[in-house]
Amino acid sequence: MEPIKFWEFMSLLLEGVGYERPSIKIPAVVMMPVAHLVELAYKLLGRYGMKVP
């Protein structure tokens, strides 16, 4: 029950189900605008039946 870093934990989970840890690292400054655009698209199109992203 010792603390563990998030990605160490995720690596253990992924290995446990037979997947490799992703090797691509995308900076948060790139992903945050993408996430905001997806959220905006959902807010605009959600009422027309768009599934939750």
Protein backbone atom coordinates (compact mmCIF):
# COMPACT_ATOMS: atom_id res chain seq x y z
CA MET A 1 0.00 0.00 0.00
CA GLU A 2 2.88 2.36 -0.75
CA PRO A 3 2.31 5.39 -3.02
CA ILE A 4 3.11 4.80 -6.69
CA LYS A 5 3.47 7.22 -9.59
CA PHE A 6 0.54 7.27 -12.00
CA TRP A 7 2.42 6.07 -15.09
CA GLU A 8 4.12 3.29 -13.14
CA PHE A 9 0.67 2.12 -12.06
CA MET A 10 -0.70 2.40 -15.62
CA SER A 11 2.32 0.46 -16.96
CA LEU A 12 1.59 -2.37 -14.54
CA LEU A 13 -2.06 -2.43 -15.59
CA LEU A 14 -1.26 -2.36 -19.30
CA GLU A 15 1.32 -5.13 -18.96
CA GLY A 16 -1.18 -7.16 -16.95
CA VAL A 17 -3.68 -7.13 -19.81
CA GLY A 18 -1.02 -7.69 -22.47
CA TYR A 19 -0.46 -4.19 -23.89
CA GLU A 20 2.72 -2.16 -24.11
CA ARG A 21 3.06 1.28 -22.58
CA PRO A 22 2.59 4.01 -25.21
CA SER A 23 5.93 5.35 -26.42
CA ILE A 24 4.63 8.66 -27.76
CA LYS A 25 4.62 11.58 -25.33
CA ILE A 26 2.40 14.52 -26.24
CA PRO A 27 2.93 17.71 -24.22
CA ALA A 28 -0.02 19.09 -22.26
CA VAL A 29 0.29 22.43 -24.10
CA VAL A 30 -0.62 20.55 -27.29
CA MET A 31 -3.35 18.33 -25.85
CA MET A 32 -5.22 20.96 -23.83
CA PRO A 33 -6.42 22.93 -26.89
CA VAL A 34 -7.42 19.65 -28.55
CA ALA A 35 -9.36 18.64 -25.44
CA HIS A 36 -11.10 22.02 -25.34
CA LEU A 37 -12.10 21.68 -29.00
CA VAL A 38 -13.55 18.21 -28.38
CA GLU A 39 -15.44 19.53 -25.38
CA LEU A 40 -16.79 22.46 -27.39
CA ALA A 41 -17.88 20.13 -30.21
CA TYR A 42 -19.71 17.96 -27.70
CA LYS A 43 -21.45 20.97 -26.16
CA LEU A 44 -22.57 22.14 -29.60
CA LEU A 45 -23.51 18.75 -31.07
CA GLY A 46 -24.52 16.80 -27.95
CA ARG A 47 -28.15 17.76 -28.28
CA TYR A 48 -28.16 16.31 -31.81
CA GLY A 49 -27.11 12.86 -30.65
CA MET A 50 -23.31 13.09 -30.50
CA LYS A 51 -21.93 10.44 -28.17
CA VAL A 52 -19.83 11.45 -25.18
CA PRO A 53 -16.21 11.80 -26.34
